Protein backbone atom coordinates (compact mmCIF):
# COMPACT_ATOMS: atom_id res chain seq x y z
CA MET A 1 -201.46 181.17 47.08
CA THR A 2 -204.46 180.91 49.34
CA PRO A 3 -203.99 179.01 52.62
CA ARG A 4 -207.57 177.71 52.50
CA THR A 5 -206.66 174.21 51.43
CA ASP A 6 -209.31 171.53 51.05
CA SER A 7 -207.52 168.26 50.33
CA GLY A 8 -210.74 166.44 49.41
CA TRP A 9 -211.72 169.06 46.85
CA LEU A 10 -208.23 169.07 45.33
CA ARG A 11 -208.16 165.28 45.07
CA ARG A 12 -211.53 165.21 43.34
CA ARG A 13 -210.49 167.90 40.85
CA ILE A 14 -207.16 166.20 40.13
CA GLY A 15 -208.89 162.83 39.80
CA ARG A 16 -211.36 164.16 37.25
CA GLU A 17 -208.57 165.70 35.19
CA LEU A 18 -206.56 162.47 35.27
CA ARG A 19 -209.61 160.52 34.11
CA THR A 20 -210.25 163.01 31.30
CA LEU A 21 -206.64 162.78 30.13
CA ARG A 22 -206.64 158.99 30.31
CA GLU A 23 -209.82 158.71 28.27
CA ALA A 24 -208.48 161.15 25.68
CA THR A 25 -205.23 159.23 25.24
CA PRO A 26 -205.22 156.32 22.73
CA GLY A 27 -203.60 153.09 23.87
CA PRO A 28 -201.64 150.63 21.73
CA ASP A 29 -204.82 149.38 20.05
CA GLY A 30 -206.08 152.87 19.28
CA ARG A 31 -208.71 152.85 22.01
CA LYS A 32 -208.56 154.96 25.14
CA ILE A 33 -206.18 153.79 27.86
CA THR A 34 -207.97 151.65 30.42
CA THR A 35 -207.59 151.86 34.18
CA THR A 36 -205.99 148.40 34.01
CA GLU A 37 -203.32 149.66 31.62
CA ALA A 38 -202.74 152.72 33.78
CA ALA A 39 -202.35 150.47 36.82
CA ARG A 40 -199.84 148.32 34.99
CA GLU A 41 -197.81 151.41 34.09
CA LEU A 42 -197.88 152.66 37.68
CA GLY A 43 -197.21 149.22 39.16
CA CYS A 44 -200.32 149.18 41.29
CA THR A 45 -203.80 147.65 41.33
CA GLN A 46 -206.66 148.72 39.06
CA PRO A 47 -208.86 149.70 42.04
CA LYS A 48 -206.18 152.21 43.09
CA ILE A 49 -206.45 153.99 39.73
CA SER A 50 -210.24 154.06 40.01
CA SER A 51 -209.93 155.40 43.56
CA ILE A 52 -207.50 158.12 42.45
CA GLU A 53 -209.86 159.20 39.67
CA ALA A 54 -212.75 159.32 42.14
CA GLY A 55 -210.75 161.54 44.48
CA LYS A 56 -210.88 158.95 47.25
CA HIS A 57 -207.20 158.01 47.44
CA ARG A 58 -204.45 159.92 49.23
CA LEU A 59 -202.28 161.21 46.39
CA GLN A 60 -198.56 160.73 45.98
CA TRP A 61 -197.25 163.44 43.69
CA ARG A 62 -194.91 160.97 41.96
CA ASP A 63 -197.90 158.80 41.02
CA VAL A 64 -199.63 161.83 39.52
CA ARG A 65 -196.46 162.78 37.63
CA ASP A 66 -195.99 159.26 36.24
CA LEU A 67 -199.61 158.97 35.12
CA LEU A 68 -199.46 162.35 33.42
CA ARG A 69 -196.32 161.35 31.55
CA PHE A 70 -197.97 158.08 30.50
CA TYR A 71 -200.95 160.05 29.20
CA GLY A 72 -198.69 162.38 27.23
CA ALA A 73 -199.55 165.52 29.18
CA SER A 74 -197.53 168.65 28.49
CA ASP A 75 -194.80 169.81 30.85
CA ILE A 76 -196.96 172.77 31.88
CA GLU A 77 -199.95 170.53 32.61
CA THR A 78 -197.77 168.11 34.54
CA GLU A 79 -196.20 170.84 36.63
CA ARG A 80 -199.61 172.32 37.44
CA LEU A 81 -201.23 169.07 38.60
CA VAL A 82 -198.16 167.85 40.47
CA LYS A 83 -198.12 171.15 42.40
CA TRP A 84 -201.76 170.63 43.38
CA ALA A 85 -201.11 166.99 44.25
CA LYS A 86 -198.46 168.10 46.74
CA ARG A 87 -201.00 170.43 48.35
CA SER A 88 -203.71 167.77 48.41
CA ASN A 89 -202.43 166.21 51.61
CA GLU A 90 -202.39 169.42 53.65
CA PRO A 91 -204.94 169.79 56.49
CA ILE A 92 -208.47 170.85 55.51
CA TRP A 93 -209.09 174.44 56.65
CA TRP A 94 -212.69 173.73 57.66
CA ALA A 95 -211.85 170.61 59.69
CA PRO A 96 -213.06 172.22 62.97
CA PHE A 97 -216.51 172.55 61.39
CA ALA A 98 -216.64 169.13 59.72
CA ASP A 99 -219.72 168.02 61.68
CA VAL A 100 -221.86 170.59 59.85
CA VAL A 101 -220.34 170.27 56.37
CA GLU A 102 -222.43 167.74 54.48
CA ASP A 103 -221.06 166.06 51.35
CA TRP A 104 -223.24 168.19 49.08
CA PHE A 105 -221.83 171.36 50.65
CA ALA A 106 -218.19 170.31 50.95
CA ASP A 107 -217.37 171.02 47.31
CA LEU A 108 -218.62 174.61 47.54
CA VAL A 109 -216.72 175.26 50.78
CA GLY A 110 -213.57 173.76 49.30
CA ALA A 111 -213.91 175.52 45.96
CA GLU A 112 -214.48 178.90 47.58
CA GLY A 113 -211.06 178.72 49.19
CA GLU A 114 -209.36 178.12 45.83
CA ALA A 115 -211.52 180.30 43.55
CA GLU A 116 -210.51 183.71 42.20
CA ARG A 117 -214.03 184.90 41.43
CA GLU A 118 -217.53 183.99 42.53
CA ILE A 119 -220.88 185.03 41.06
CA THR A 120 -223.78 184.15 43.32
CA TYR A 121 -227.52 184.62 42.89
CA ALA A 122 -229.71 184.76 46.02
CA HIS A 123 -233.50 184.78 46.08
CA GLY A 124 -234.43 183.58 49.58
CA VAL A 125 -231.91 185.09 51.99
CA LEU A 126 -228.74 187.10 51.57
CA PRO A 127 -225.58 185.30 50.36
CA GLY A 128 -223.69 183.64 53.20
CA LEU A 129 -220.52 185.58 52.46
CA LEU A 130 -222.35 188.85 53.17
CA GLN A 131 -224.37 187.94 56.26
CA THR A 132 -223.76 189.51 59.67
CA GLU A 133 -223.40 187.30 62.72
CA SER A 134 -226.78 188.44 64.08
CA TYR A 135 -228.46 187.66 60.76
CA ILE A 136 -226.82 184.22 60.67
CA ARG A 137 -227.95 183.47 64.20
CA ALA A 138 -231.52 184.56 63.43
CA LEU A 139 -231.60 182.22 60.42
CA THR A 140 -229.97 179.34 62.28
CA ASP A 141 -232.25 179.61 65.30
CA ARG A 142 -235.30 179.26 63.07
CA SER A 143 -233.97 176.43 60.90
CA PRO A 144 -235.30 172.92 61.61
CA MET A 145 -232.31 171.59 59.66
CA VAL A 146 -229.82 172.74 62.31
CA ALA A 147 -229.68 170.89 65.60
CA PRO A 148 -229.43 173.23 68.62
CA GLU A 149 -226.09 171.74 69.63
CA GLN A 150 -224.65 172.50 66.17
CA ARG A 151 -225.75 176.11 65.84
CA GLU A 152 -222.46 177.57 67.02
CA LEU A 153 -220.57 175.47 64.46
CA VAL A 154 -222.85 176.68 61.66
CA VAL A 155 -222.36 180.30 62.69
CA GLY A 156 -218.60 179.82 63.05
CA LEU A 157 -218.24 178.17 59.65
CA ARG A 158 -220.15 180.91 57.85
CA LEU A 159 -218.13 183.65 59.52
CA GLU A 160 -214.88 181.83 58.74
CA ARG A 161 -215.88 181.56 55.07
CA GLN A 162 -216.26 185.33 54.95
CA HIS A 163 -212.58 185.88 55.69
CA ARG A 164 -211.97 184.90 52.07
CA LEU A 165 -213.18 188.39 51.10
CA SER A 166 -210.50 190.17 53.14
CA GLU A 167 -207.38 188.06 52.57
CA ASP A 168 -204.24 189.43 50.89
CA GLU A 169 -205.52 187.99 47.60
CA PRO A 170 -209.25 188.21 48.23
CA LEU A 171 -212.02 186.44 46.42
CA GLU A 172 -213.80 188.65 43.90
CA LEU A 173 -217.52 188.47 44.62
CA VAL A 174 -220.44 189.44 42.42
CA ALA A 175 -223.67 189.11 44.41
CA LEU A 176 -227.00 189.24 42.56
CA ILE A 177 -229.79 189.67 45.10
CA GLU A 178 -233.55 189.72 44.63
CA GLU A 179 -235.11 192.97 45.88
CA SER A 180 -237.56 191.00 48.04
CA VAL A 181 -234.66 189.63 50.12
CA LEU A 182 -233.88 193.14 51.35
CA SER A 183 -237.38 193.50 52.82
CA ARG A 184 -237.75 190.01 54.30
CA PRO A 185 -237.48 190.38 58.10
CA VAL A 186 -234.85 188.09 59.59
CA GLY A 187 -234.61 188.64 63.33
CA SER A 188 -235.48 192.01 64.84
CA PRO A 189 -235.60 195.37 63.00
CA GLU A 190 -232.22 196.12 64.60
CA VAL A 191 -230.78 192.94 63.11
CA MET A 192 -232.07 193.87 59.65
CA ARG A 193 -230.81 197.44 59.83
CA GLU A 194 -227.37 196.26 60.89
CA GLN A 195 -227.40 193.67 58.10
CA LEU A 196 -228.37 196.12 55.39
CA GLU A 197 -225.83 198.69 56.58
CA HIS A 198 -223.20 195.94 56.44
CA LEU A 199 -224.32 195.12 52.89
CA ALA A 200 -223.94 198.76 51.91
CA SER A 201 -220.48 198.87 53.47
CA MET A 202 -219.34 195.68 51.71
CA SER A 203 -220.48 197.05 48.35
CA LYS A 204 -217.77 199.72 48.60
CA ARG A 205 -214.97 197.15 48.58
CA ASP A 206 -212.98 196.88 45.37
CA ASN A 207 -213.50 193.10 45.26
CA VAL A 208 -217.25 193.11 45.94
CA VAL A 209 -220.03 194.01 43.48
CA ILE A 210 -223.63 193.94 44.67
CA GLN A 211 -226.54 194.24 42.25
CA VAL A 212 -230.19 194.13 43.28
CA LEU A 213 -232.71 192.56 40.92
CA PRO A 214 -235.92 194.62 40.99
CA THR A 215 -239.11 192.68 41.66
CA ALA A 216 -240.61 194.58 38.71
CA ALA A 217 -238.25 192.67 36.42
CA GLY A 218 -240.70 189.77 36.70
CA PRO A 219 -239.81 186.16 35.82
CA HIS A 220 -236.27 185.56 34.62
CA ALA A 221 -233.86 182.72 33.86
CA ALA A 222 -232.66 182.32 37.46
CA VAL A 223 -236.01 182.46 39.22
CA ASP A 224 -236.07 178.68 39.76
CA GLY A 225 -233.21 178.59 42.27
CA ALA A 226 -230.07 180.03 43.82
CA PHE A 227 -226.71 179.20 42.27
CA THR A 228 -223.02 180.07 42.53
CA LEU A 229 -220.49 180.19 39.71
CA LEU A 230 -216.81 179.79 40.61
CA GLU A 231 -213.81 180.71 38.49
CA PHE A 232 -210.27 179.50 39.16
CA ALA A 233 -206.78 180.41 38.01
CA GLU A 234 -205.75 176.86 37.14
CA PHE A 235 -208.93 174.78 37.00
CA ASP A 236 -212.00 174.87 34.81
CA PRO A 237 -214.93 176.88 36.22
CA ALA A 238 -217.66 175.15 38.21
CA VAL A 239 -221.22 175.78 39.33
CA TYR A 240 -222.93 175.02 42.63
CA VAL A 241 -226.71 174.77 42.47
CA GLN A 242 -228.40 174.95 45.84
CA GLN A 243 -231.74 173.62 44.65
CA HIS A 244 -233.35 173.47 41.22
CA PRO A 245 -236.56 171.74 40.15
CA ALA A 246 -234.85 170.18 37.12
CA ILE A 247 -231.44 169.15 38.52
CA GLY A 248 -231.79 169.29 42.31
CA ALA A 249 -228.71 170.28 44.31
CA CYS A 250 -225.28 169.72 42.81
CA TYR A 251 -221.70 170.91 42.34
CA SER A 252 -220.38 170.37 38.83
CA ASP A 253 -217.63 171.42 36.45
CA ASP A 254 -219.49 169.95 33.46
CA GLN A 255 -218.88 172.52 30.73
CA ARG A 256 -222.43 172.47 29.40
CA LEU A 257 -223.93 173.11 32.83
CA VAL A 258 -221.38 175.83 33.60
CA ASP A 259 -222.11 177.49 30.24
CA THR A 260 -225.85 177.40 30.96
CA PHE A 261 -225.51 179.10 34.32
CA THR A 262 -222.97 181.58 32.95
CA MET A 263 -225.58 182.63 30.41
CA ILE A 264 -228.21 182.84 33.18
CA ALA A 265 -225.90 185.03 35.29
CA LYS A 266 -225.33 187.40 32.36
CA GLU A 267 -229.07 187.74 31.84
CA VAL A 268 -229.68 188.44 35.53
CA ARG A 269 -226.92 191.09 35.60
CA LYS A 270 -228.53 192.86 32.64
CA LEU A 271 -231.89 192.96 34.43
CA ALA A 272 -230.38 194.01 37.78
CA SER A 273 -229.89 197.57 38.91
CA SER A 274 -226.40 199.03 38.66
CA PRO A 275 -224.15 198.82 41.73
CA ARG A 276 -224.76 202.54 42.41
CA GLU A 277 -228.54 202.19 42.12
CA SER A 278 -228.43 199.03 44.22
CA LEU A 279 -226.53 200.80 46.99
CA SER A 280 -229.19 203.52 47.09
CA LEU A 281 -231.93 200.90 47.31
CA ILE A 282 -230.13 199.03 50.12
CA ARG A 283 -229.79 202.25 52.12
CA ASP A 284 -233.50 203.02 51.62
CA ARG A 285 -234.43 199.58 52.92
CA ALA A 286 -232.13 200.04 55.92
CA ASP A 287 -233.93 203.26 56.82
CA GLU A 288 -237.25 201.40 56.75
CA PHE A 289 -236.02 199.20 59.61
CA SER A 290 -235.24 202.19 61.85
């Protein structure tokens, strides 16, 4: 089990699953169970049930167990969610960096700690999990979105996230990177050479796959914006969209949206160079920054 607990993320995931189960369970009149009926069963107020489902209430595992039993959940489902409810009150691993974790980013940071596999598409800069410290600093120093007094926190958070790739049970990462990103100067030539050599080194890890999407591939399904797909052992998959002209920025486990971006990822992987070809291209670009 990963030690990268994010209590807020866990509460939100558990809350959504409880709401889904409640709405799928018919009450005495044949309609779905209401939050008022759930509150009556639990012996609490209706706002507490709404707060639990929104992921805003500190969870008591017995409350989760009793609600699941009321909703007719299976023993396996009950055991799974009760286990997560017990973890949901542990300290947040990224608490030291909380000042630079906005709400829109918190779900990705939390999910990354729990996920088994991540597929990420990058078209502006390299994926955060693969950036060197010098590359991060060069990006951060130029960003008007990062206050000077918060730069060290931003750098620290990104480096801490990367430890997920080298834990005992590491995250599996598939990084799909536009060819143009490899040639975009970030910092000095020395910074870029170090970064590209690091990318080449990371591609040799068993849990990391890097594929470069040739510019010659032209327009494709992902060209509108970067995204990250996350797969979990015990939760439904989710997608984080950094920015998209149609849907903006979001983190969602809506099955239709996840299916859409899963299809997009498959298309991009087909267009991308193989890992072996990508490694050769990365090394060539590194030599250009000599």
